[in-house]
C-alpha atoms as a PDB file:
ATOM      1  CA  MET A   1     -48.091  71.073 103.614  1.00  0.00           C
ATOM      2  CA  HIS A   2     -45.156  71.727 105.790  1.00  0.00           C
ATOM      3  CA  GLU A   3     -42.358  73.994 104.823  1.00  0.00           C
ATOM      4  CA  CYS A   4     -38.989  72.325 104.872  1.00  0.00           C
ATOM      5  CA  ASP A   5     -36.581  73.683 107.400  1.00  0.00           C
ATOM      6  CA  HIS A   6     -33.283  74.311 105.722  1.00  0.00           C
ATOM      7  CA  PHE A   7     -30.284  72.892 107.459  1.00  0.00           C
ATOM      8  CA  ARG A   8     -28.204  75.676 108.955  1.00  0.00           C
ATOM      9  CA  LEU A   9     -24.863  75.455 110.650  1.00  0.00           C
ATOM     10  CA  PRO A  10     -24.754  76.907 114.152  1.00  0.00           C
ATOM     11  CA  ARG A  11     -23.576  80.544 114.182  1.00  0.00           C
ATOM     12  CA  GLN A  12     -20.145  79.633 115.592  1.00  0.00           C
ATOM     13  CA  ALA A  13     -19.602  77.036 112.844  1.00  0.00           C
ATOM     14  CA  GLN A  14     -20.689  79.561 110.187  1.00  0.00           C
ATOM     15  CA  ASP A  15     -18.176  82.087 111.505  1.00  0.00           C
ATOM     16  CA  LYS A  16     -15.411  79.470 111.581  1.00  0.00           C
ATOM     17  CA  HIS A  17     -16.198  78.382 107.999  1.00  0.00           C
ATOM     18  CA  ARG A  18     -16.232  82.019 106.799  1.00  0.00           C
ATOM     19  CA  GLU A  19     -12.916  82.707 108.564  1.00  0.00           C
ATOM     20  CA  SER A  20     -11.351  79.569 107.035  1.00  0.00           C
ATOM     21  CA  THR A  21     -12.525  80.584 103.552  1.00  0.00           C
ATOM     22  CA  GLN A  22     -11.168  84.111 104.002  1.00  0.00           C
ATOM     23  CA  LYS A  23      -7.778  82.716 105.080  1.00  0.00           C
ATOM     24  CA  ARG A  24      -7.590  80.496 101.978  1.00  0.00           C
ATOM     25  CA  GLU A  25      -8.572  83.402  99.730  1.00  0.00           C
ATOM     26  CA  TRP A  26      -6.072  85.700 101.455  1.00  0.00           C
ATOM     27  CA  ARG A  27      -3.231  83.188 100.943  1.00  0.00           C
ATOM     28  CA  PHE A  28      -4.116  83.038  97.232  1.00  0.00           C
ATOM     29  CA  VAL A  29      -4.068  86.851  96.907  1.00  0.00           C
ATOM     30  CA  GLN A  30      -0.823  87.086  98.857  1.00  0.00           C
ATOM     31  CA  ALA A  31       0.851  84.453  96.668  1.00  0.00           C
ATOM     32  CA  ALA A  32      -0.366  86.146  93.475  1.00  0.00           C
ATOM     33  CA  LEU A  33       0.955  89.542  94.569  1.00  0.00           C
ATOM     34  CA  ALA A  34       4.314  88.104  95.651  1.00  0.00           C
ATOM     35  CA  ASP A  35       4.936  86.775  92.121  1.00  0.00           C
ATOM     36  CA  GLU A  36       7.644  88.841  90.443  1.00  0.00           C
ATOM     37  CA  HIS A  37       6.137  88.052  87.031  1.00  0.00           C
ATOM     38  CA  SER A  38       2.661  89.241  87.980  1.00  0.00           C
ATOM     39  CA  SER A  39       1.003  91.750  85.660  1.00  0.00           C
ATOM     40  CA  VAL A  40      -1.600  92.881  88.217  1.00  0.00           C
ATOM     41  CA  ARG A  41      -1.628  96.694  88.320  1.00  0.00           C
ATOM     42  CA  THR A  42      -4.582  97.505  90.599  1.00  0.00           C
ATOM     43  CA  VAL A  43      -5.936  95.571  93.592  1.00  0.00           C
ATOM     44  CA  SER A  44      -8.917  96.280  95.818  1.00  0.00           C
ATOM     45  CA  LEU A  45      -9.074  94.414  99.101  1.00  0.00           C
ATOM     46  CA  ALA A  46     -11.572  96.813 100.665  1.00  0.00           C
ATOM     47  CA  GLY A  47     -13.556  95.431 103.576  1.00  0.00           C
ATOM     48  CA  ASN A  48     -11.547  92.225 104.047  1.00  0.00           C
ATOM     49  CA  MET A  49     -10.416  92.792 107.654  1.00  0.00           C
ATOM     50  CA  ILE A  50      -6.743  92.159 106.868  1.00  0.00           C
ATOM     51  CA  GLY A  51      -5.541  94.397 109.717  1.00  0.00           C
ATOM     52  CA  ASN A  52      -1.928  95.302 110.411  1.00  0.00           C
ATOM     53  CA  LYS A  53      -0.735  91.733 109.863  1.00  0.00           C
ATOM     54  CA  GLY A  54      -2.216  91.654 106.357  1.00  0.00           C
ATOM     55  CA  ALA A  55      -0.865  95.122 105.580  1.00  0.00           C
ATOM     56  CA  GLY A  56       2.594  93.926 106.635  1.00  0.00           C
ATOM     57  CA  ALA A  57       2.285  90.856 104.398  1.00  0.00           C
ATOM     58  CA  LEU A  58       1.288  93.093 101.482  1.00  0.00           C
ATOM     59  CA  ALA A  59       4.236  95.363 102.214  1.00  0.00           C
ATOM     60  CA  ASN A  60       6.574  92.360 101.974  1.00  0.00           C
ATOM     61  CA  ALA A  61       4.961  91.293  98.697  1.00  0.00           C
ATOM     62  CA  MET A  62       5.525  94.797  97.310  1.00  0.00           C
ATOM     63  CA  TYR A  63       9.299  94.236  97.358  1.00  0.00           C
ATOM     64  CA  VAL A  64       8.819  91.400  94.844  1.00  0.00           C
ATOM     65  CA  ASN A  65       5.884  92.618  92.745  1.00  0.00           C
ATOM     66  CA  ARG A  66       6.956  95.322  90.284  1.00  0.00           C
ATOM     67  CA  SER A  67       3.665  95.752  88.425  1.00  0.00           C
ATOM     68  CA  LEU A  68       1.344  97.079  91.159  1.00  0.00           C
ATOM     69  CA  VAL A  69       0.441 100.732  90.773  1.00  0.00           C
ATOM     70  CA  GLU A  70      -2.538 101.102  93.131  1.00  0.00           C
ATOM     71  CA  ILE A  71      -3.955  99.225  96.140  1.00  0.00           C
ATOM     72  CA  CYS A  72      -7.287  99.958  97.827  1.00  0.00           C
ATOM     73  CA  LEU A  73      -7.270  98.807 101.460  1.00  0.00           C
ATOM     74  CA  ASP A  74     -10.312 100.756 102.634  1.00  0.00           C
ATOM     75  CA  SER A  75     -12.115  99.502 105.777  1.00  0.00           C
ATOM     76  CA  ASN A  76      -9.590  96.856 106.820  1.00  0.00           C
ATOM     77  CA  PHE A  77      -8.888  97.728 110.485  1.00  0.00           C
ATOM     78  CA  ILE A  78      -5.406  98.983 109.619  1.00  0.00           C
ATOM     79  CA  ALA A  79      -3.673 101.188 112.196  1.00  0.00           C
ATOM     80  CA  SER A  80      -0.315 102.989 112.285  1.00  0.00           C
ATOM     81  CA  PRO A  81       1.886  99.836 112.243  1.00  0.00           C
ATOM     82  CA  GLY A  82       0.239  98.612 109.019  1.00  0.00           C
ATOM     83  CA  ARG A  83       0.363 102.047 107.402  1.00  0.00           C
ATOM     84  CA  ASN A  84       4.032 102.428 108.347  1.00  0.00           C
ATOM     85  CA  ALA A  85       4.933  99.020 106.891  1.00  0.00           C
ATOM     86  CA  LEU A  86       3.285  99.986 103.601  1.00  0.00           C
ATOM     87  CA  LYS A  87       4.939 103.415 103.616  1.00  0.00           C
ATOM     88  CA  ASP A  88       8.379 101.893 104.271  1.00  0.00           C
ATOM     89  CA  ALA A  89       7.898  99.402 101.433  1.00  0.00           C
ATOM     90  CA  MET A  90       6.902 102.202  99.056  1.00  0.00           C
ATOM     91  CA  ALA A  91       9.902 104.314 100.087  1.00  0.00           C
ATOM     92  CA  GLY A  92      12.447 101.471 100.165  1.00  0.00           C
ATOM     93  CA  THR A  93      15.528 101.516  97.990  1.00  0.00           C
ATOM     94  CA  ASP A  94      14.196  98.588  95.942  1.00  0.00           C
ATOM     95  CA  SER A  95      10.936 100.453  95.715  1.00  0.00           C
ATOM     96  CA  PRO A  96       8.267  99.095  93.386  1.00  0.00           C
ATOM     97  CA  ARG A  97       6.170 101.190  90.996  1.00  0.00           C
ATOM     98  CA  LEU A  98       3.359 101.458  93.522  1.00  0.00           C
ATOM     99  CA  GLU A  99       2.033 105.011  93.517  1.00  0.00           C
ATOM    100  CA  PHE A 100      -1.148 104.959  95.660  1.00  0.00           C
ATOM    101  CA  VAL A 101      -2.453 103.061  98.677  1.00  0.00           C
ATOM    102  CA  SER A 102      -5.933 104.055  99.830  1.00  0.00           C
ATOM    103  CA  LEU A 103      -6.585 103.505 103.543  1.00  0.00           C
ATOM    104  CA  ALA A 104      -9.964 105.228 103.901  1.00  0.00           C
ATOM    105  CA  GLY A 105     -12.175 103.969 106.723  1.00  0.00           C
ATOM    106  CA  ASN A 106      -9.351 102.439 108.763  1.00  0.00           C
ATOM    107  CA  THR A 107      -8.052 103.342 112.220  1.00  0.00           C
ATOM    108  CA  VAL A 108      -5.650 105.560 110.284  1.00  0.00           C
ATOM    109  CA  SER A 109      -7.654 106.893 107.365  1.00  0.00           C
ATOM    110  CA  GLY A 110      -6.070 108.513 104.353  1.00  0.00           C
ATOM    111  CA  LEU A 111      -3.886 108.017 101.302  1.00  0.00           C
ATOM    112  CA  LEU A 112      -0.240 107.050 100.843  1.00  0.00           C
ATOM    113  CA  PHE A 113       1.156 108.373  97.585  1.00  0.00           C
ATOM    114  CA  ARG A 114       4.443 108.916  95.832  1.00  0.00           C
ATOM    115  CA  GLU A 115       5.343 112.570  95.322  1.00  0.00           C
ATOM    116  CA  PHE A 116       7.190 113.120  92.070  1.00  0.00           C
ATOM    117  CA  ASN A 117      10.391 115.154  92.338  1.00  0.00           C
ATOM    118  CA  PRO A 118      11.073 116.668  88.876  1.00  0.00           C
ATOM    119  CA  LYS A 119      14.615 117.705  89.868  1.00  0.00           C
ATOM    120  CA  ASN A 120      15.558 114.186  90.914  1.00  0.00           C
ATOM    121  CA  PRO A 121      13.142 111.516  89.614  1.00  0.00           C
ATOM    122  CA  CYS A 122      15.050 108.822  91.526  1.00  0.00           C
ATOM    123  CA  ASN A 123      14.327 110.567  94.827  1.00  0.00           C
ATOM    124  CA  ASN A 124      10.541 110.556  95.073  1.00  0.00           C
ATOM    125  CA  ARG A 125       9.220 110.642  98.617  1.00  0.00           C
ATOM    126  CA  VAL A 126       6.172 108.862  99.952  1.00  0.00           C
ATOM    127  CA  ALA A 127       3.629 111.191 101.525  1.00  0.00           C
ATOM    128  CA  TRP A 128       0.607 110.648 103.760  1.00  0.00           C
ATOM    129  CA  LYS A 129      -2.607 112.620 103.375  1.00  0.00           C
ATOM    130  CA  ALA A 130      -5.275 112.122 106.013  1.00  0.00           C
END
């Protein structure tokens, strides 16, 4: 008896298929988060290689989505530009309820969080802890 050889796509084709699937999935997540009527409160996109471009897209979605409280973006190749886009979105005047963004395992590794100011609850600042 001979074992059947399973058909396998060449490595380059596998990578292209995986990349195409990730792009479709990413567009779905981005659209869901940009919905102002979304009830999603916590999102983990850890290990999805979204990079600074993806972090910027999430930052833009944060201006629309008012339900998000926490985002985990660990191990996504995010550097200072992506972190700064997220920080600016959190600190913006039309700031959402987002309180925490975890960036562990990225080029910049740490946590963005909203510091509560009991004297002026409308003036909470966004802090970075490496």
